[in-house]
């Protein structure tokens, strides 16, 4: 049986799964205004 996008979402929303920690870290990185990798476009 193959994994679906819904399975991935379920994993990332489950605090007992390692994917949850990774997704929370990624979200924090994206929301961090001091993170150079996620600054967005300055062209506007």
Foldseek 3Di string as FASTA:
>chain_A
DDDDVVNLVVQCVDPVHPNVVVVVVVVCLLPDCPRPVNPDDPPD
